[in-house]
C-alpha atoms as a PDB file:
ATOM      1  CA  MET A   1       0.000   0.000   0.000  1.00  0.00           C
ATOM      2  CA  SER A   2       2.771   2.385   0.951  1.00  0.00           C
ATOM      3  CA  ALA A   3       6.266   2.434   2.388  1.00  0.00           C
ATOM      4  CA  VAL A   4       4.735   3.085   5.817  1.00  0.00           C
ATOM      5  CA  PHE A   5       2.061   0.385   5.689  1.00  0.00           C
ATOM      6  CA  PRO A   6       3.220  -2.772   3.924  1.00  0.00           C
ATOM      7  CA  ASP A   7       1.300  -5.115   1.664  1.00  0.00           C
ATOM      8  CA  PRO A   8       0.082  -8.302   3.365  1.00  0.00           C
ATOM      9  CA  THR A   9       1.548 -11.784   3.269  1.00  0.00           C
ATOM     10  CA  MET A  10      -1.037 -14.576   3.397  1.00  0.00           C
ATOM     11  CA  VAL A  11      -0.258 -17.097   6.121  1.00  0.00           C
ATOM     12  CA  LYS A  12      -2.005 -20.415   6.865  1.00  0.00           C
ATOM     13  CA  THR A  13      -2.853 -20.757  10.542  1.00  0.00           C
ATOM     14  CA  ASN A  14      -5.345 -22.808  12.539  1.00  0.00           C
ATOM     15  CA  GLY A  15      -7.375 -23.752   9.457  1.00  0.00           C
ATOM     16  CA  ILE A  16      -7.718 -20.216   8.037  1.00  0.00           C
ATOM     17  CA  ASP A  17      -5.814 -17.895   5.695  1.00  0.00           C
ATOM     18  CA  MET A  18      -4.600 -14.853   7.610  1.00  0.00           C
ATOM     19  CA  ALA A  19      -3.400 -11.563   6.107  1.00  0.00           C
ATOM     20  CA  VAL A  20      -0.276 -10.459   7.984  1.00  0.00           C
ATOM     21  CA  TYR A  21       1.492  -7.095   7.707  1.00  0.00           C
ATOM     22  CA  GLU A  22       5.130  -7.033   8.810  1.00  0.00           C
ATOM     23  CA  ALA A  23       7.883  -4.507   9.370  1.00  0.00           C
ATOM     24  CA  GLY A  24      11.327  -4.502  10.967  1.00  0.00           C
ATOM     25  CA  PRO A  25      14.265  -6.925  10.933  1.00  0.00           C
ATOM     26  CA  LYS A  26      13.405 -10.638  10.688  1.00  0.00           C
ATOM     27  CA  ASP A  27      15.791 -11.358  13.572  1.00  0.00           C
ATOM     28  CA  GLY A  28      14.264  -8.621  15.757  1.00  0.00           C
ATOM     29  CA  PHE A  29      12.325  -9.578  18.872  1.00  0.00           C
ATOM     30  CA  PRO A  30       8.773 -10.340  17.669  1.00  0.00           C
ATOM     31  CA  VAL A  31       5.873  -8.085  18.672  1.00  0.00           C
ATOM     32  CA  VAL A  32       2.373  -9.094  17.524  1.00  0.00           C
ATOM     33  CA  LEU A  33      -0.239  -6.292  17.293  1.00  0.00           C
ATOM     34  CA  CYS A  34      -3.891  -7.350  17.669  1.00  0.00           C
ATOM     35  CA  HIS A  35      -6.659  -4.940  16.628  1.00  0.00           C
ATOM     36  CA  GLY A  36     -10.185  -4.462  17.947  1.00  0.00           C
ATOM     37  CA  PHE A  37     -13.676  -3.751  16.534  1.00  0.00           C
ATOM     38  CA  PRO A  38     -14.408  -2.405  13.976  1.00  0.00           C
ATOM     39  CA  GLU A  39     -10.767  -2.251  12.981  1.00  0.00           C
ATOM     40  CA  LEU A  40      -7.996  -3.888  10.970  1.00  0.00           C
ATOM     41  CA  ALA A  41      -4.241  -4.409  11.098  1.00  0.00           C
ATOM     42  CA  PHE A  42      -4.229  -0.946   9.451  1.00  0.00           C
ATOM     43  CA  SER A  43      -5.175   0.502  12.867  1.00  0.00           C
ATOM     44  CA  TRP A  44      -1.504  -0.076  13.810  1.00  0.00           C
ATOM     45  CA  ARG A  45      -0.146   1.906  10.814  1.00  0.00           C
ATOM     46  CA  HIS A  46       1.602   4.372  13.169  1.00  0.00           C
ATOM     47  CA  GLN A  47       3.155   1.616  15.282  1.00  0.00           C
ATOM     48  CA  LEU A  48       4.660  -0.594  12.559  1.00  0.00           C
ATOM     49  CA  PRO A  49       7.306   1.888  11.379  1.00  0.00           C
ATOM     50  CA  ALA A  50       8.095   3.153  14.902  1.00  0.00           C
ATOM     51  CA  LEU A  51       8.604  -0.300  16.419  1.00  0.00           C
ATOM     52  CA  ALA A  52      10.510  -1.457  13.336  1.00  0.00           C
ATOM     53  CA  ALA A  53      12.835   1.555  13.629  1.00  0.00           C
ATOM     54  CA  ALA A  54      13.450   0.574  17.261  1.00  0.00           C
ATOM     55  CA  GLY A  55      14.674  -2.837  16.012  1.00  0.00           C
ATOM     56  CA  TYR A  56      11.604  -5.033  16.610  1.00  0.00           C
ATOM     57  CA  ARG A  57       9.995  -7.483  14.208  1.00  0.00           C
ATOM     58  CA  VAL A  58       6.443  -6.158  14.095  1.00  0.00           C
ATOM     59  CA  ILE A  59       3.622  -8.469  13.016  1.00  0.00           C
ATOM     60  CA  ALA A  60       0.069  -7.127  12.600  1.00  0.00           C
ATOM     61  CA  PRO A  61      -2.624  -9.545  11.382  1.00  0.00           C
ATOM     62  CA  ASP A  62      -6.091  -8.828  10.059  1.00  0.00           C
ATOM     63  CA  GLN A  63      -7.694 -11.149  12.581  1.00  0.00           C
ATOM     64  CA  ARG A  64     -10.265 -13.882  11.968  1.00  0.00           C
ATOM     65  CA  GLY A  65     -13.348 -12.398  10.295  1.00  0.00           C
ATOM     66  CA  TYR A  66     -11.631  -9.151   9.283  1.00  0.00           C
ATOM     67  CA  GLY A  67     -10.044  -7.626   6.210  1.00  0.00           C
ATOM     68  CA  ARG A  68      -8.301 -10.087   3.896  1.00  0.00           C
ATOM     69  CA  THR A  69      -8.341 -12.899   6.473  1.00  0.00           C
ATOM     70  CA  SER A  70     -10.813 -15.817   6.264  1.00  0.00           C
ATOM     71  CA  ARG A  71     -14.338 -15.324   7.596  1.00  0.00           C
ATOM     72  CA  PRO A  72     -15.740 -18.714   8.695  1.00  0.00           C
ATOM     73  CA  GLU A  73     -19.533 -18.907   8.819  1.00  0.00           C
ATOM     74  CA  ALA A  74     -20.062 -20.690  12.147  1.00  0.00           C
ATOM     75  CA  VAL A  75     -20.472 -18.309  15.099  1.00  0.00           C
ATOM     76  CA  GLU A  76     -18.556 -20.668  17.401  1.00  0.00           C
ATOM     77  CA  ALA A  77     -15.552 -20.436  15.045  1.00  0.00           C
ATOM     78  CA  TYR A  78     -14.895 -17.052  16.707  1.00  0.00           C
ATOM     79  CA  ASP A  79     -14.517 -18.188  20.305  1.00  0.00           C
ATOM     80  CA  MET A  80     -11.391 -17.604  22.396  1.00  0.00           C
ATOM     81  CA  VAL A  81     -10.016 -21.068  21.615  1.00  0.00           C
ATOM     82  CA  HIS A  82      -9.967 -20.155  17.902  1.00  0.00           C
ATOM     83  CA  LEU A  83      -8.790 -16.543  18.376  1.00  0.00           C
ATOM     84  CA  THR A  84      -5.815 -17.490  20.568  1.00  0.00           C
ATOM     85  CA  GLY A  85      -5.183 -20.569  18.407  1.00  0.00           C
ATOM     86  CA  ASP A  86      -4.829 -18.315  15.361  1.00  0.00           C
ATOM     87  CA  LEU A  87      -1.989 -16.426  17.076  1.00  0.00           C
ATOM     88  CA  VAL A  88      -0.218 -19.641  18.133  1.00  0.00           C
ATOM     89  CA  GLY A  89      -0.515 -20.925  14.555  1.00  0.00           C
ATOM     90  CA  LEU A  90       0.853 -17.612  13.298  1.00  0.00           C
ATOM     91  CA  LEU A  91       3.975 -18.018  15.456  1.00  0.00           C
ATOM     92  CA  ASP A  92       4.334 -21.627  14.278  1.00  0.00           C
ATOM     93  CA  THR A  93       4.141 -20.635  10.611  1.00  0.00           C
ATOM     94  CA  LEU A  94       6.696 -17.843  11.108  1.00  0.00           C
ATOM     95  CA  GLY A  95       8.997 -20.202  13.047  1.00  0.00           C
ATOM     96  CA  LEU A  96       8.780 -18.195  16.280  1.00  0.00           C
ATOM     97  CA  GLN A  97       8.659 -19.638  19.783  1.00  0.00           C
ATOM     98  CA  LYS A  98       7.508 -16.550  21.697  1.00  0.00           C
ATOM     99  CA  ALA A  99       6.359 -12.973  21.145  1.00  0.00           C
ATOM    100  CA  VAL A 100       5.132  -9.954  23.026  1.00  0.00           C
ATOM    101  CA  PHE A 101       1.408  -9.657  22.302  1.00  0.00           C
ATOM    102  CA  VAL A 102      -0.145  -6.197  22.121  1.00  0.00           C
ATOM    103  CA  GLY A 103      -3.917  -5.784  21.999  1.00  0.00           C
ATOM    104  CA  HIS A 104      -6.337  -2.883  21.757  1.00  0.00           C
ATOM    105  CA  ASP A 105     -10.106  -3.160  22.408  1.00  0.00           C
ATOM    106  CA  TRP A 106     -11.174  -6.757  21.522  1.00  0.00           C
ATOM    107  CA  GLY A 107      -7.569  -7.537  20.621  1.00  0.00           C
ATOM    108  CA  GLY A 108      -6.791  -6.720  24.254  1.00  0.00           C
ATOM    109  CA  LEU A 109      -9.219  -9.372  25.501  1.00  0.00           C
ATOM    110  CA  VAL A 110      -7.455 -11.904  23.278  1.00  0.00           C
ATOM    111  CA  VAL A 111      -3.891 -11.020  24.274  1.00  0.00           C
ATOM    112  CA  TRP A 112      -4.709 -11.168  28.004  1.00  0.00           C
ATOM    113  CA  GLN A 113      -6.074 -14.695  27.452  1.00  0.00           C
ATOM    114  CA  MET A 114      -2.910 -15.795  25.626  1.00  0.00           C
ATOM    115  CA  PRO A 115      -0.856 -16.287  28.835  1.00  0.00           C
ATOM    116  CA  LEU A 116      -3.772 -18.165  30.420  1.00  0.00           C
ATOM    117  CA  MET A 117      -4.225 -20.539  27.473  1.00  0.00           C
ATOM    118  CA  HIS A 118      -0.758 -20.620  25.834  1.00  0.00           C
ATOM    119  CA  ALA A 119       1.701 -19.373  28.472  1.00  0.00           C
ATOM    120  CA  GLU A 120       4.732 -20.971  26.804  1.00  0.00           C
ATOM    121  CA  ARG A 121       4.257 -18.819  23.674  1.00  0.00           C
ATOM    122  CA  VAL A 122       3.986 -15.452  25.470  1.00  0.00           C
ATOM    123  CA  ALA A 123       7.028 -13.365  26.411  1.00  0.00           C
ATOM    124  CA  GLY A 124       4.994 -10.372  27.568  1.00  0.00           C
ATOM    125  CA  VAL A 125       1.677  -8.565  27.160  1.00  0.00           C
ATOM    126  CA  ILE A 126       0.756  -4.948  26.407  1.00  0.00           C
ATOM    127  CA  GLY A 127      -2.882  -3.980  26.876  1.00  0.00           C
ATOM    128  CA  VAL A 128      -3.978  -0.781  25.130  1.00  0.00           C
ATOM    129  CA  ASN A 129      -7.149   0.495  26.872  1.00  0.00           C
ATOM    130  CA  THR A 130      -8.293  -3.080  27.565  1.00  0.00           C
ATOM    131  CA  PRO A 131      -7.281  -4.256  31.051  1.00  0.00           C
ATOM    132  CA  PHE A 132      -6.991  -7.840  32.229  1.00  0.00           C
ATOM    133  CA  LEU A 133     -10.526  -8.748  33.269  1.00  0.00           C
ATOM    134  CA  ALA A 134     -10.727 -11.747  35.586  1.00  0.00           C
ATOM    135  CA  ARG A 135     -13.483 -14.274  34.898  1.00  0.00           C
ATOM    136  CA  PRO A 136     -16.744 -12.905  36.385  1.00  0.00           C
ATOM    137  CA  PRO A 137     -18.981 -15.013  38.653  1.00  0.00           C
ATOM    138  CA  ILE A 138     -21.879 -14.897  36.177  1.00  0.00           C
ATOM    139  CA  ASP A 139     -22.291 -15.079  32.393  1.00  0.00           C
ATOM    140  CA  PRO A 140     -21.123 -11.620  31.213  1.00  0.00           C
ATOM    141  CA  ILE A 141     -24.044 -11.186  28.795  1.00  0.00           C
ATOM    142  CA  MET A 142     -26.492 -11.722  31.659  1.00  0.00           C
ATOM    143  CA  GLY A 143     -24.530  -9.200  33.685  1.00  0.00           C
ATOM    144  CA  MET A 144     -24.483  -6.574  30.919  1.00  0.00           C
ATOM    145  CA  LYS A 145     -28.186  -7.065  30.225  1.00  0.00           C
ATOM    146  CA  ALA A 146     -29.006  -6.560  33.918  1.00  0.00           C
ATOM    147  CA  LEU A 147     -26.780  -3.497  34.179  1.00  0.00           C
ATOM    148  CA  TYR A 148     -27.442  -1.703  30.882  1.00  0.00           C
ATOM    149  CA  GLY A 149     -30.540  -3.271  29.273  1.00  0.00           C
ATOM    150  CA  GLU A 150     -31.280  -4.712  25.829  1.00  0.00           C
ATOM    151  CA  ASP A 151     -30.027  -1.685  23.837  1.00  0.00           C
ATOM    152  CA  MET A 152     -26.465  -1.898  25.179  1.00  0.00           C
ATOM    153  CA  TYR A 153     -24.482  -2.658  22.028  1.00  0.00           C
ATOM    154  CA  ILE A 154     -22.887  -5.935  23.202  1.00  0.00           C
ATOM    155  CA  VAL A 155     -26.288  -7.275  24.271  1.00  0.00           C
ATOM    156  CA  TYR A 156     -27.853  -6.081  21.005  1.00  0.00           C
ATOM    157  CA  PHE A 157     -25.039  -7.755  19.027  1.00  0.00           C
ATOM    158  CA  GLN A 158     -26.241 -11.154  20.321  1.00  0.00           C
ATOM    159  CA  LYS A 159     -29.288 -11.064  18.001  1.00  0.00           C
ATOM    160  CA  PRO A 160     -28.418 -12.996  14.816  1.00  0.00           C
ATOM    161  CA  GLY A 161     -28.082 -10.786  11.752  1.00  0.00           C
ATOM    162  CA  GLU A 162     -29.626  -7.602  13.196  1.00  0.00           C
ATOM    163  CA  ALA A 163     -26.636  -5.378  13.985  1.00  0.00           C
ATOM    164  CA  ASP A 164     -24.836  -6.834  10.958  1.00  0.00           C
ATOM    165  CA  ALA A 165     -27.547  -5.467   8.642  1.00  0.00           C
ATOM    166  CA  VAL A 166     -27.774  -2.086  10.388  1.00  0.00           C
ATOM    167  CA  LEU A 167     -24.011  -1.485  10.145  1.00  0.00           C
ATOM    168  CA  ALA A 168     -23.683  -2.763   6.563  1.00  0.00           C
ATOM    169  CA  LYS A 169     -26.393  -0.367   5.347  1.00  0.00           C
ATOM    170  CA  ASP A 170     -24.088   2.686   5.345  1.00  0.00           C
ATOM    171  CA  VAL A 171     -20.460   1.737   6.026  1.00  0.00           C
ATOM    172  CA  GLY A 172     -19.201   5.298   5.558  1.00  0.00           C
ATOM    173  CA  LYS A 173     -21.585   6.586   8.219  1.00  0.00           C
ATOM    174  CA  VAL A 174     -20.505   3.815  10.616  1.00  0.00           C
ATOM    175  CA  PHE A 175     -16.870   4.876  10.399  1.00  0.00           C
ATOM    176  CA  ARG A 176     -17.705   8.575  10.626  1.00  0.00           C
ATOM    177  CA  PHE A 177     -19.602   7.693  13.800  1.00  0.00           C
ATOM    178  CA  PHE A 178     -17.057   5.390  15.428  1.00  0.00           C
ATOM    179  CA  MET A 179     -13.748   6.948  14.413  1.00  0.00           C
ATOM    180  CA  ARG A 180     -13.921  10.255  16.275  1.00  0.00           C
ATOM    181  CA  LYS A 181     -11.715  12.068  18.767  1.00  0.00           C
ATOM    182  CA  ASN A 182     -12.224  14.792  21.387  1.00  0.00           C
ATOM    183  CA  GLY A 183     -15.820  13.623  21.738  1.00  0.00           C
ATOM    184  CA  MET A 184     -16.341  13.622  25.479  1.00  0.00           C
ATOM    185  CA  THR A 185     -14.171  13.740  28.567  1.00  0.00           C
ATOM    186  CA  ALA A 186     -14.491  11.105  31.260  1.00  0.00           C
ATOM    187  CA  GLU A 187     -15.589  13.898  33.614  1.00  0.00           C
ATOM    188  CA  ALA A 188     -18.429  14.976  31.308  1.00  0.00           C
ATOM    189  CA  PHE A 189     -19.519  11.355  30.831  1.00  0.00           C
ATOM    190  CA  ALA A 190     -19.628  10.820  34.605  1.00  0.00           C
ATOM    191  CA  GLN A 191     -22.067  13.734  34.954  1.00  0.00           C
ATOM    192  CA  MET A 192     -24.529  12.414  32.360  1.00  0.00           C
ATOM    193  CA  PRO A 193     -27.858  10.892  33.469  1.00  0.00           C
ATOM    194  CA  GLU A 194     -27.641   7.110  33.985  1.00  0.00           C
ATOM    195  CA  GLU A 195     -30.066   6.332  31.149  1.00  0.00           C
ATOM    196  CA  LEU A 196     -27.671   8.003  28.694  1.00  0.00           C
ATOM    197  CA  LYS A 197     -24.727   5.877  29.867  1.00  0.00           C
ATOM    198  CA  ARG A 198     -26.038   2.576  28.570  1.00  0.00           C
ATOM    199  CA  PHE A 199     -23.858   2.394  25.444  1.00  0.00           C
ATOM    200  CA  ALA A 200     -26.833   2.187  23.073  1.00  0.00           C
ATOM    201  CA  LEU A 201     -24.470   2.829  20.146  1.00  0.00           C
ATOM    202  CA  LEU A 202     -26.900   1.703  17.461  1.00  0.00           C
ATOM    203  CA  LYS A 203     -29.446   4.303  18.634  1.00  0.00           C
ATOM    204  CA  ALA A 204     -26.742   6.972  18.630  1.00  0.00           C
ATOM    205  CA  LEU A 205     -25.825   5.923  15.080  1.00  0.00           C
ATOM    206  CA  GLU A 206     -29.360   6.863  13.966  1.00  0.00           C
ATOM    207  CA  MET A 207     -29.002  10.431  15.279  1.00  0.00           C
ATOM    208  CA  ASP A 208     -28.379  13.389  13.002  1.00  0.00           C
ATOM    209  CA  GLU A 209     -24.630  13.416  12.263  1.00  0.00           C
ATOM    210  CA  ALA A 210     -24.485  17.110  13.138  1.00  0.00           C
ATOM    211  CA  LEU A 211     -25.247  16.143  16.756  1.00  0.00           C
ATOM    212  CA  TRP A 212     -22.372  13.690  17.094  1.00  0.00           C
ATOM    213  CA  PRO A 213     -19.755  14.986  19.525  1.00  0.00           C
ATOM    214  CA  GLY A 214     -16.088  15.430  18.644  1.00  0.00           C
ATOM    215  CA  GLU A 215     -14.388  15.463  15.274  1.00  0.00           C
ATOM    216  CA  LEU A 216     -13.271  12.932  12.687  1.00  0.00           C
ATOM    217  CA  LEU A 217     -10.108  11.088  13.627  1.00  0.00           C
ATOM    218  CA  LEU A 218      -9.110   9.745  10.209  1.00  0.00           C
ATOM    219  CA  THR A 219      -7.779  11.447   7.102  1.00  0.00           C
ATOM    220  CA  GLU A 220      -9.784  10.923   3.909  1.00  0.00           C
ATOM    221  CA  PRO A 221      -7.465   8.142   2.565  1.00  0.00           C
ATOM    222  CA  GLU A 222      -7.482   6.399   5.968  1.00  0.00           C
ATOM    223  CA  MET A 223     -11.274   6.569   6.118  1.00  0.00           C
ATOM    224  CA  GLN A 224     -11.452   5.192   2.587  1.00  0.00           C
ATOM    225  CA  TYR A 225      -9.226   2.238   3.554  1.00  0.00           C
ATOM    226  CA  PHE A 226     -11.579   1.167   6.356  1.00  0.00           C
ATOM    227  CA  VAL A 227     -14.762   1.818   4.383  1.00  0.00           C
ATOM    228  CA  GLU A 228     -13.579  -0.118   1.319  1.00  0.00           C
ATOM    229  CA  SER A 229     -12.530  -3.082   3.450  1.00  0.00           C
ATOM    230  CA  PHE A 230     -15.759  -3.325   5.475  1.00  0.00           C
ATOM    231  CA  SER A 231     -17.912  -2.660   2.394  1.00  0.00           C
ATOM    232  CA  ARG A 232     -16.354  -5.809   0.955  1.00  0.00           C
ATOM    233  CA  THR A 233     -16.492  -8.008   4.076  1.00  0.00           C
ATOM    234  CA  GLY A 234     -19.430  -6.713   6.085  1.00  0.00           C
ATOM    235  CA  PHE A 235     -19.339  -6.696   9.903  1.00  0.00           C
ATOM    236  CA  THR A 236     -20.531 -10.224  10.751  1.00  0.00           C
ATOM    237  CA  GLY A 237     -17.036 -11.655  11.351  1.00  0.00           C
ATOM    238  CA  GLY A 238     -16.222  -8.980  13.921  1.00  0.00           C
ATOM    239  CA  ILE A 239     -19.650  -9.112  15.569  1.00  0.00           C
ATOM    240  CA  ASN A 240     -19.294 -12.895  15.931  1.00  0.00           C
ATOM    241  CA  TRP A 241     -16.480 -12.271  18.432  1.00  0.00           C
ATOM    242  CA  TYR A 242     -19.124 -10.624  20.677  1.00  0.00           C
ATOM    243  CA  ARG A 243     -21.483 -13.567  20.155  1.00  0.00           C
ATOM    244  CA  ASN A 244     -19.003 -15.791  21.997  1.00  0.00           C
ATOM    245  CA  PHE A 245     -18.929 -13.922  25.322  1.00  0.00           C
ATOM    246  CA  SER A 246     -21.088 -16.584  27.030  1.00  0.00           C
ATOM    247  CA  ARG A 247     -19.254 -19.461  25.350  1.00  0.00           C
ATOM    248  CA  ASN A 248     -15.859 -18.010  26.330  1.00  0.00           C
ATOM    249  CA  TRP A 249     -17.065 -17.624  29.900  1.00  0.00           C
ATOM    250  CA  LYS A 250     -18.120 -21.287  30.031  1.00  0.00           C
ATOM    251  CA  ILE A 251     -14.883 -22.645  28.559  1.00  0.00           C
ATOM    252  CA  SER A 252     -12.655 -20.482  30.781  1.00  0.00           C
ATOM    253  CA  GLY A 253     -13.908 -22.014  34.036  1.00  0.00           C
ATOM    254  CA  GLU A 254     -10.765 -24.098  34.609  1.00  0.00           C
ATOM    255  CA  LEU A 255      -8.211 -21.395  33.737  1.00  0.00           C
ATOM    256  CA  ALA A 256      -6.080 -19.955  36.535  1.00  0.00           C
ATOM    257  CA  GLN A 257      -6.609 -16.182  36.442  1.00  0.00           C
ATOM    258  CA  LYS A 258      -2.949 -15.197  36.640  1.00  0.00           C
ATOM    259  CA  VAL A 259      -0.637 -13.545  34.092  1.00  0.00           C
ATOM    260  CA  ARG A 260       2.950 -14.299  35.108  1.00  0.00           C
ATOM    261  CA  GLN A 261       4.677 -12.567  32.178  1.00  0.00           C
ATOM    262  CA  PRO A 262       5.868  -8.941  32.379  1.00  0.00           C
ATOM    263  CA  SER A 263       3.038  -6.683  31.269  1.00  0.00           C
ATOM    264  CA  LEU A 264       2.267  -3.077  30.412  1.00  0.00           C
ATOM    265  CA  MET A 265      -1.140  -1.416  30.660  1.00  0.00           C
ATOM    266  CA  ILE A 266      -1.611   1.716  28.515  1.00  0.00           C
ATOM    267  CA  MET A 267      -4.732   3.587  29.632  1.00  0.00           C
ATOM    268  CA  ALA A 268      -6.562   6.462  27.939  1.00  0.00           C
ATOM    269  CA  GLU A 269      -7.930   9.142  30.247  1.00  0.00           C
ATOM    270  CA  ASP A 270     -11.139   9.801  28.289  1.00  0.00           C
ATOM    271  CA  ASP A 271     -12.048   6.326  27.052  1.00  0.00           C
ATOM    272  CA  VAL A 272     -15.546   5.987  28.517  1.00  0.00           C
ATOM    273  CA  VAL A 273     -15.997   2.374  27.300  1.00  0.00           C
ATOM    274  CA  LEU A 274     -12.679   1.014  28.622  1.00  0.00           C
ATOM    275  CA  SER A 275     -11.958   3.516  31.357  1.00  0.00           C
ATOM    276  CA  PRO A 276      -8.696   3.645  33.355  1.00  0.00           C
ATOM    277  CA  LYS A 277     -10.610   2.769  36.519  1.00  0.00           C
ATOM    278  CA  MET A 278     -11.293  -0.685  35.026  1.00  0.00           C
ATOM    279  CA  ALA A 279      -7.550  -1.335  35.397  1.00  0.00           C
ATOM    280  CA  ALA A 280      -7.617  -0.666  39.150  1.00  0.00           C
ATOM    281  CA  GLY A 281      -6.501  -3.744  41.076  1.00  0.00           C
ATOM    282  CA  MET A 282      -5.105  -5.515  38.015  1.00  0.00           C
ATOM    283  CA  GLU A 283      -1.883  -6.152  39.916  1.00  0.00           C
ATOM    284  CA  ARG A 284      -3.670  -8.909  41.856  1.00  0.00           C
ATOM    285  CA  PHE A 285      -3.887 -10.937  38.636  1.00  0.00           C
ATOM    286  CA  VAL A 286      -0.885  -9.455  36.794  1.00  0.00           C
ATOM    287  CA  PRO A 287       1.864  -9.066  39.424  1.00  0.00           C
ATOM    288  CA  ASP A 288       4.617  -7.850  37.044  1.00  0.00           C
ATOM    289  CA  LEU A 289       2.700  -4.829  35.767  1.00  0.00           C
ATOM    290  CA  GLU A 290       3.492  -1.271  34.761  1.00  0.00           C
ATOM    291  CA  LYS A 291       0.847   1.318  33.918  1.00  0.00           C
ATOM    292  CA  VAL A 292       0.933   4.403  31.690  1.00  0.00           C
ATOM    293  CA  LEU A 293      -1.901   6.943  31.396  1.00  0.00           C
ATOM    294  CA  ILE A 294      -2.294   8.949  28.190  1.00  0.00           C
ATOM    295  CA  ARG A 295      -4.153  12.156  28.957  1.00  0.00           C
ATOM    296  CA  LYS A 296      -6.867  13.777  26.832  1.00  0.00           C
ATOM    297  CA  CYS A 297      -7.196  10.599  24.807  1.00  0.00           C
ATOM    298  CA  GLY A 298     -10.335   8.675  23.857  1.00  0.00           C
ATOM    299  CA  HIS A 299     -10.860   5.088  22.758  1.00  0.00           C
ATOM    300  CA  TRP A 300      -8.679   4.898  19.609  1.00  0.00           C
ATOM    301  CA  THR A 301      -5.440   5.434  21.507  1.00  0.00           C
ATOM    302  CA  GLN A 302      -2.858   4.144  19.028  1.00  0.00           C
ATOM    303  CA  GLN A 303      -4.477   6.233  16.270  1.00  0.00           C
ATOM    304  CA  GLU A 304      -5.325   9.327  18.391  1.00  0.00           C
ATOM    305  CA  HIS A 305      -2.007   9.648  20.223  1.00  0.00           C
ATOM    306  CA  PRO A 306       0.441   7.524  18.223  1.00  0.00           C
ATOM    307  CA  GLU A 307       3.613   9.239  19.429  1.00  0.00           C
ATOM    308  CA  GLU A 308       2.785   8.765  23.117  1.00  0.00           C
ATOM    309  CA  THR A 309       1.583   5.194  22.533  1.00  0.00           C
ATOM    310  CA  ASN A 310       4.762   4.339  20.612  1.00  0.00           C
ATOM    311  CA  ALA A 311       6.988   5.954  23.245  1.00  0.00           C
ATOM    312  CA  ALA A 312       5.330   3.992  26.068  1.00  0.00           C
ATOM    313  CA  MET A 313       5.591   0.712  24.182  1.00  0.00           C
ATOM    314  CA  ILE A 314       9.188   1.194  23.051  1.00  0.00           C
ATOM    315  CA  ASP A 315      10.375   2.320  26.498  1.00  0.00           C
ATOM    316  CA  TRP A 316       8.846  -0.784  28.113  1.00  0.00           C
ATOM    317  CA  LEU A 317      10.007  -3.145  25.341  1.00  0.00           C
ATOM    318  CA  LYS A 318      13.602  -1.865  25.478  1.00  0.00           C
ATOM    319  CA  ARG A 319      13.772  -2.446  29.231  1.00  0.00           C
ATOM    320  CA  HIS A 320      12.271  -5.967  29.104  1.00  0.00           C
ATOM    321  CA  PHE A 321      13.153  -7.247  25.640  1.00  0.00           C
ATOM    322  CA  PRO A 322      16.089  -5.301  24.150  1.00  0.00           C
ATOM    323  CA  ALA A 323      15.824  -5.382  20.354  1.00  0.00           C
END
């Protein structure tokens, strides 16, 4: 695509074809970047060149269901066993024993499960916005439904085909809605009435665009990249990750909730979905933990504040895993 963002290599892993974007020396310490929803490996376009310049071998996949990677039909093909298995298979195909796994948003949920499910393949973990969340005592979908109601986006996503159709109707509008910055501070969100804090994103999507807070985050070519990709694939693959919350909860019952690898938690001050306070007490489950707070930053941290994100990652990587 460009010198900054490479063209993909297709890799066979765990029964799927995965599009993988690489930068940096092949003998550099491997760092795998895992994106969230609704995103792509392209979300790490600012990190690939920076980490490569610091001497790391940077590997960013379009994950299962996204971009140029396979999109299996079965909903259960998107559970945590498959999502972590894809990353293990990726290391196998590339001939790598271990890597540092970095995850933002849903990618964060996956990378925090890697040391629980495949400890021998994980050198370290970096969570971007997404903290380690220990297994809850009840099915998380039941919990979210009780707390936020049926319109909360994760609960709404459970209905087969519904959100998929709503989002696919106008892909450009979806990305103009999601990919925004300077929308709302955590302080302003805290002062809102409770009924407006229920994350009914699909209802907000139907509002007049002029009423959306904040400003567009992406340049026109960046926006076009996302819109073209999701216009081709639709959103079902990504939404299917959400449809496995209950299944993941059931299958994780036997896993010890402890991350023993060195870890870094990068928090964004004004992310109202994955707020810094969700990372409070993480040290109980992740004893070797450092935390960094990026101020005046919303949900799309690595795209909103790339320089600060890169600096935090590289500083931590150089101290734990010299290139």
